[in-house]
C-alpha atoms as a PDB file:
ATOM      1  CA  MET A   1     211.784  38.719 108.869  1.00  0.00           C
ATOM      2  CA  SER A   2     210.017  40.509 105.815  1.00  0.00           C
ATOM      3  CA  THR A   3     207.313  42.972 106.358  1.00  0.00           C
ATOM      4  CA  SER A   4     206.236  42.572 102.848  1.00  0.00           C
ATOM      5  CA  PRO A   5     203.126  40.120 102.855  1.00  0.00           C
ATOM      6  CA  VAL A   6     204.833  36.367 102.424  1.00  0.00           C
ATOM      7  CA  THR A   7     203.270  33.421  99.854  1.00  0.00           C
ATOM      8  CA  LEU A   8     203.767  29.917 100.753  1.00  0.00           C
ATOM      9  CA  MET A   9     203.236  28.194  97.324  1.00  0.00           C
ATOM     10  CA  VAL A  10     202.942  24.192  97.922  1.00  0.00           C
ATOM     11  CA  ALA A  11     202.573  21.620  95.187  1.00  0.00           C
ATOM     12  CA  ARG A  12     200.341  18.473  96.112  1.00  0.00           C
ATOM     13  CA  ARG A  13     200.565  14.881  93.925  1.00  0.00           C
ATOM     14  CA  VAL A  14     197.276  13.327  94.187  1.00  0.00           C
ATOM     15  CA  ALA A  15     197.608   9.495  95.597  1.00  0.00           C
ATOM     16  CA  ASP A  16     196.018   6.849  93.241  1.00  0.00           C
ATOM     17  CA  GLY A  17     192.061   6.782  94.078  1.00  0.00           C
ATOM     18  CA  ARG A  18     192.441   9.685  96.315  1.00  0.00           C
ATOM     19  CA  TYR A  19     191.177  12.662  94.502  1.00  0.00           C
ATOM     20  CA  HIS A  20     188.074  13.287  96.174  1.00  0.00           C
ATOM     21  CA  ASP A  21     189.554  12.722  99.865  1.00  0.00           C
ATOM     22  CA  LEU A  22     192.339  14.777  98.693  1.00  0.00           C
ATOM     23  CA  ILE A  23     189.857  17.712  98.076  1.00  0.00           C
ATOM     24  CA  ALA A  24     188.478  17.725 100.829  1.00  0.00           C
ATOM     25  CA  TRP A  25     191.605  18.045 103.345  1.00  0.00           C
ATOM     26  CA  LEU A  26     192.613  20.732 101.174  1.00  0.00           C
ATOM     27  CA  ARG A  27     189.526  23.065 101.923  1.00  0.00           C
ATOM     28  CA  GLU A  28     189.958  21.877 105.551  1.00  0.00           C
ATOM     29  CA  GLY A  29     193.260  23.492 105.470  1.00  0.00           C
ATOM     30  CA  GLU A  30     192.357  26.844 103.800  1.00  0.00           C
ATOM     31  CA  GLN A  31     189.917  26.881 106.735  1.00  0.00           C
ATOM     32  CA  LEU A  32     192.265  26.028 109.130  1.00  0.00           C
ATOM     33  CA  ALA A  33     194.358  28.517 108.134  1.00  0.00           C
ATOM     34  CA  THR A  34     191.831  31.484 108.295  1.00  0.00           C
ATOM     35  CA  ASP A  35     191.723  31.117 111.904  1.00  0.00           C
ATOM     36  CA  PHE A  36     195.555  32.682 112.143  1.00  0.00           C
ATOM     37  CA  PRO A  37     196.049  36.409 113.243  1.00  0.00           C
ATOM     38  CA  GLY A  38     197.896  37.684 109.842  1.00  0.00           C
ATOM     39  CA  TYR A  39     196.160  35.089 107.302  1.00  0.00           C
ATOM     40  CA  LEU A  40     194.824  37.278 104.245  1.00  0.00           C
ATOM     41  CA  GLY A  41     194.348  34.660 101.965  1.00  0.00           C
ATOM     42  CA  SER A  42     194.357  30.877 100.451  1.00  0.00           C
ATOM     43  CA  GLY A  43     193.736  28.961  97.369  1.00  0.00           C
ATOM     44  CA  VAL A  44     193.780  25.497  95.167  1.00  0.00           C
ATOM     45  CA  LEU A  45     194.915  25.462  91.681  1.00  0.00           C
ATOM     46  CA  ALA A  46     193.648  22.497  90.183  1.00  0.00           C
ATOM     47  CA  PRO A  47     196.019  20.899  87.914  1.00  0.00           C
ATOM     48  CA  PRO A  48     195.654  21.013  83.910  1.00  0.00           C
ATOM     49  CA  PRO A  49     194.113  18.162  81.981  1.00  0.00           C
ATOM     50  CA  GLY A  50     196.118  15.307  82.234  1.00  0.00           C
ATOM     51  CA  ASP A  51     197.721  16.194  85.737  1.00  0.00           C
ATOM     52  CA  ASN A  52     197.628  15.441  88.817  1.00  0.00           C
ATOM     53  CA  GLU A  53     199.517  18.216  90.865  1.00  0.00           C
ATOM     54  CA  PHE A  54     197.807  20.777  92.389  1.00  0.00           C
ATOM     55  CA  GLN A  55     198.977  23.775  93.926  1.00  0.00           C
ATOM     56  CA  ILE A  56     198.262  26.119  97.499  1.00  0.00           C
ATOM     57  CA  ILE A  57     199.249  28.900  98.140  1.00  0.00           C
ATOM     58  CA  PHE A  58     198.975  30.228 101.632  1.00  0.00           C
ATOM     59  CA  ARG A  59     199.359  34.343 101.757  1.00  0.00           C
ATOM     60  CA  PHE A  60     199.790  35.841 105.620  1.00  0.00           C
ATOM     61  CA  VAL A  61     200.746  39.693 106.561  1.00  0.00           C
ATOM     62  CA  ASP A  62     204.368  38.551 107.252  1.00  0.00           C
ATOM     63  CA  GLU A  63     206.903  35.825 107.496  1.00  0.00           C
ATOM     64  CA  GLN A  64     206.608  36.142 110.998  1.00  0.00           C
ATOM     65  CA  THR A  65     202.933  35.264 111.169  1.00  0.00           C
ATOM     66  CA  LEU A  66     203.221  32.387 108.179  1.00  0.00           C
ATOM     67  CA  HIS A  67     206.311  31.213 110.497  1.00  0.00           C
ATOM     68  CA  ALA A  68     203.508  30.854 113.618  1.00  0.00           C
ATOM     69  CA  TRP A  69     200.750  29.262 110.816  1.00  0.00           C
ATOM     70  CA  GLU A  70     203.325  26.732 109.515  1.00  0.00           C
ATOM     71  CA  TYR A  71     204.816  25.704 113.000  1.00  0.00           C
ATOM     72  CA  SER A  72     201.451  25.710 114.792  1.00  0.00           C
ATOM     73  CA  ALA A  73     200.249  22.086 116.239  1.00  0.00           C
ATOM     74  CA  SER A  74     196.869  22.783 114.397  1.00  0.00           C
ATOM     75  CA  ARG A  75     198.649  22.955 110.929  1.00  0.00           C
ATOM     76  CA  THR A  76     200.737  20.056 112.229  1.00  0.00           C
ATOM     77  CA  ALA A  77     197.959  17.852 112.748  1.00  0.00           C
ATOM     78  CA  TRP A  78     196.200  19.013 109.779  1.00  0.00           C
ATOM     79  CA  LEU A  79     199.752  17.937 107.618  1.00  0.00           C
ATOM     80  CA  ASN A  80     199.718  14.170 109.901  1.00  0.00           C
ATOM     81  CA  ARG A  81     195.831  13.475 108.953  1.00  0.00           C
ATOM     82  CA  GLY A  82     196.433  13.899 105.348  1.00  0.00           C
ATOM     83  CA  SER A  83     200.119  12.477 104.597  1.00  0.00           C
ATOM     84  CA  ASP A  84     198.607   9.428 102.665  1.00  0.00           C
ATOM     85  CA  LEU A  85     196.707  11.628 100.201  1.00  0.00           C
ATOM     86  CA  PHE A  86     199.122  13.020  97.836  1.00  0.00           C
ATOM     87  CA  GLU A  87     202.896  12.258  96.564  1.00  0.00           C
ATOM     88  CA  HIS A  88     205.824  14.391  96.679  1.00  0.00           C
ATOM     89  CA  PRO A  89     205.425  17.721  98.509  1.00  0.00           C
ATOM     90  CA  LYS A  90     206.856  20.603  97.674  1.00  0.00           C
ATOM     91  CA  GLU A  91     207.154  24.048  98.935  1.00  0.00           C
ATOM     92  CA  HIS A  92     208.087  27.504  98.112  1.00  0.00           C
ATOM     93  CA  ARG A  93     207.858  30.482  99.698  1.00  0.00           C
ATOM     94  CA  VAL A  94     207.835  33.864  97.943  1.00  0.00           C
ATOM     95  CA  SER A  95     207.162  37.612  98.773  1.00  0.00           C
ATOM     96  CA  GLY A  96     206.153  41.205  97.152  1.00  0.00           C
ATOM     97  CA  ILE A  97     205.066  40.717  93.699  1.00  0.00           C
ATOM     98  CA  GLU A  98     207.036  37.600  92.445  1.00  0.00           C
ATOM     99  CA  GLY A  99     204.053  35.619  94.589  1.00  0.00           C
ATOM    100  CA  TRP A 100     201.442  36.443  92.030  1.00  0.00           C
ATOM    101  CA  PHE A 101     203.306  34.931  89.152  1.00  0.00           C
ATOM    102  CA  GLY A 102     204.735  31.260  90.450  1.00  0.00           C
ATOM    103  CA  ALA A 103     208.050  29.883  91.726  1.00  0.00           C
ATOM    104  CA  ALA A 104     211.090  30.947  89.929  1.00  0.00           C
ATOM    105  CA  GLY A 105     211.970  29.550  86.851  1.00  0.00           C
ATOM    106  CA  GLN A 106     208.145  28.671  86.375  1.00  0.00           C
ATOM    107  CA  ARG A 107     207.676  32.787  86.192  1.00  0.00           C
ATOM    108  CA  PRO A 108     205.715  33.946  82.720  1.00  0.00           C
ATOM    109  CA  PRO A 109     207.976  36.861  81.035  1.00  0.00           C
ATOM    110  CA  ARG A 110     207.700  40.110  82.482  1.00  0.00           C
ATOM    111  CA  TRP A 111     205.219  41.285  79.437  1.00  0.00           C
ATOM    112  CA  LYS A 112     202.618  38.898  79.984  1.00  0.00           C
ATOM    113  CA  GLN A 113     202.883  39.989  83.905  1.00  0.00           C
ATOM    114  CA  ALA A 114     202.389  43.239  82.883  1.00  0.00           C
ATOM    115  CA  VAL A 115     199.620  42.811  80.888  1.00  0.00           C
ATOM    116  CA  ALA A 116     198.069  40.745  83.802  1.00  0.00           C
ATOM    117  CA  ILE A 117     198.416  43.670  86.210  1.00  0.00           C
ATOM    118  CA  TRP A 118     197.190  45.858  83.659  1.00  0.00           C
ATOM    119  CA  LEU A 119     194.198  44.275  82.570  1.00  0.00           C
ATOM    120  CA  ALA A 120     193.798  44.290  86.452  1.00  0.00           C
ATOM    121  CA  PHE A 121     194.263  47.762  87.198  1.00  0.00           C
ATOM    122  CA  PHE A 122     192.390  49.477  84.484  1.00  0.00           C
ATOM    123  CA  PRO A 123     188.908  48.481  84.783  1.00  0.00           C
ATOM    124  CA  VAL A 124     188.905  48.863  88.557  1.00  0.00           C
ATOM    125  CA  SER A 125     191.074  52.297  87.872  1.00  0.00           C
ATOM    126  CA  LEU A 126     188.249  53.369  85.625  1.00  0.00           C
ATOM    127  CA  ILE A 127     185.538  52.590  88.068  1.00  0.00           C
ATOM    128  CA  PHE A 128     186.877  54.114  90.750  1.00  0.00           C
ATOM    129  CA  ASN A 129     187.406  57.470  88.749  1.00  0.00           C
ATOM    130  CA  PHE A 130     184.135  56.934  87.326  1.00  0.00           C
ATOM    131  CA  ILE A 131     182.682  56.696  90.903  1.00  0.00           C
ATOM    132  CA  LEU A 132     184.541  58.809  92.711  1.00  0.00           C
ATOM    133  CA  GLY A 133     186.112  61.248  90.379  1.00  0.00           C
ATOM    134  CA  PRO A 134     183.616  63.961  90.954  1.00  0.00           C
ATOM    135  CA  LEU A 135     184.091  63.888  94.446  1.00  0.00           C
ATOM    136  CA  LEU A 136     187.730  63.932  94.165  1.00  0.00           C
ATOM    137  CA  ALA A 137     187.593  66.635  91.227  1.00  0.00           C
ATOM    138  CA  GLU A 138     187.834  69.868  93.943  1.00  0.00           C
ATOM    139  CA  LEU A 139     190.834  68.337  95.162  1.00  0.00           C
ATOM    140  CA  SER A 140     194.219  68.864  94.378  1.00  0.00           C
ATOM    141  CA  LEU A 141     196.100  66.956  92.474  1.00  0.00           C
ATOM    142  CA  LEU A 142     198.741  65.661  95.085  1.00  0.00           C
ATOM    143  CA  PRO A 143     195.445  64.991  97.536  1.00  0.00           C
ATOM    144  CA  ARG A 144     193.902  63.071  94.937  1.00  0.00           C
ATOM    145  CA  ILE A 145     196.434  61.185  94.051  1.00  0.00           C
ATOM    146  CA  LEU A 146     197.181  60.048  97.510  1.00  0.00           C
ATOM    147  CA  ILE A 147     193.270  59.225  98.249  1.00  0.00           C
ATOM    148  CA  GLY A 148     193.618  57.485  95.087  1.00  0.00           C
ATOM    149  CA  THR A 149     196.688  55.081  95.390  1.00  0.00           C
ATOM    150  CA  ALA A 150     195.729  54.564  99.094  1.00  0.00           C
ATOM    151  CA  CYS A 151     192.142  53.164  97.963  1.00  0.00           C
ATOM    152  CA  LEU A 152     193.355  51.099  94.882  1.00  0.00           C
ATOM    153  CA  THR A 153     196.223  49.515  95.958  1.00  0.00           C
ATOM    154  CA  PRO A 154     195.164  47.372  98.700  1.00  0.00           C
ATOM    155  CA  LEU A 155     192.286  46.263  96.385  1.00  0.00           C
ATOM    156  CA  MET A 156     194.680  45.473  93.153  1.00  0.00           C
ATOM    157  CA  VAL A 157     197.299  43.643  95.654  1.00  0.00           C
ATOM    158  CA  TYR A 158     194.878  41.138  97.874  1.00  0.00           C
ATOM    159  CA  PHE A 159     192.100  40.744  95.283  1.00  0.00           C
ATOM    160  CA  PHE A 160     192.066  41.910  91.815  1.00  0.00           C
ATOM    161  CA  ILE A 161     195.663  41.086  90.625  1.00  0.00           C
ATOM    162  CA  PRO A 162     195.979  37.848  92.388  1.00  0.00           C
ATOM    163  CA  LEU A 163     192.004  37.106  90.697  1.00  0.00           C
ATOM    164  CA  SER A 164     193.569  37.902  87.671  1.00  0.00           C
ATOM    165  CA  THR A 165     196.696  35.474  87.756  1.00  0.00           C
ATOM    166  CA  ARG A 166     194.278  33.536  88.522  1.00  0.00           C
ATOM    167  CA  LEU A 167     191.635  33.656  85.167  1.00  0.00           C
ATOM    168  CA  LEU A 168     194.810  34.460  83.058  1.00  0.00           C
ATOM    169  CA  ALA A 169     196.495  31.076  84.441  1.00  0.00           C
ATOM    170  CA  ASN A 170     196.263  29.140  81.230  1.00  0.00           C
ATOM    171  CA  TRP A 171     197.657  32.148  79.631  1.00  0.00           C
ATOM    172  CA  LEU A 172     200.652  33.245  81.536  1.00  0.00           C
ATOM    173  CA  ASN A 173     202.057  29.618  82.238  1.00  0.00           C
ATOM    174  CA  SER A 174     201.828  28.365  78.502  1.00  0.00           C
ATOM    175  CA  PRO A 175     205.166  27.366  76.965  1.00  0.00           C
ATOM    176  CA  PRO A 176     205.968  30.209  73.977  1.00  0.00           C
ATOM    177  CA  THR A 177     205.193  28.500  70.537  1.00  0.00           C
ATOM    178  CA  ARG A 178     208.043  28.433  67.714  1.00  0.00           C
ATOM    179  CA  PRO A 179     207.638  29.855  64.531  1.00  0.00           C
ATOM    180  CA  LEU A 180     206.524  27.430  61.893  1.00  0.00           C
ATOM    181  CA  ALA A 181     209.099  25.920  59.927  1.00  0.00           C
ATOM    182  CA  ALA A 182     209.684  27.471  56.540  1.00  0.00           C
ATOM    183  CA  THR A 183     208.185  25.589  53.735  1.00  0.00           C
ATOM    184  CA  PRO A 184     209.770  25.837  50.117  1.00  0.00           C
ATOM    185  CA  SER A 185     208.110  27.518  47.852  1.00  0.00           C
ATOM    186  CA  ALA A 186     206.754  26.353  44.451  1.00  0.00           C
ATOM    187  CA  GLN A 187     210.006  28.908  42.685  1.00  0.00           C
ATOM    188  CA  ASN A 188     212.640  27.529  44.932  1.00  0.00           C
ATOM    189  CA  ARG A 189     211.959  23.383  44.328  1.00  0.00           C
END
């Protein structure tokens, strides 16, 4: 079993006329998950305009805690209550950093992933060093870096990088643009 956090990503297409019912059902599922040991967070990503597929993300401490929630009686009952609200469910399980950027084959290019992480890390690191830098300045390099990374890593992994990827979702998932075809110049005509 995995010892790193595990993310369950579920895609649900709204059944005709059931949008508001599905939203209420999704929120109920998020609330249900909060009562389980190992729960780290969840979120619902609305579909882009013209689409009806929601992405639901549940994150747990490890594979064992996700498994306990996934096969619990309360989750089974919740899934049964919502079975007529959606069409063609898809599930995908990821662990580690890959969970921030979607399923394999749907992930943005590495450079976009790096930009999203940097945009989350830079301001948080800057604020951390501005506020705590004077207090840590008396320490030698090793303890200063140890304290900084021990404080920043959980903040980045559990809050700021997922926030960055949510805020940048449209850009991260946008299809690459093709260069415009060259038009003949007046001299070549």
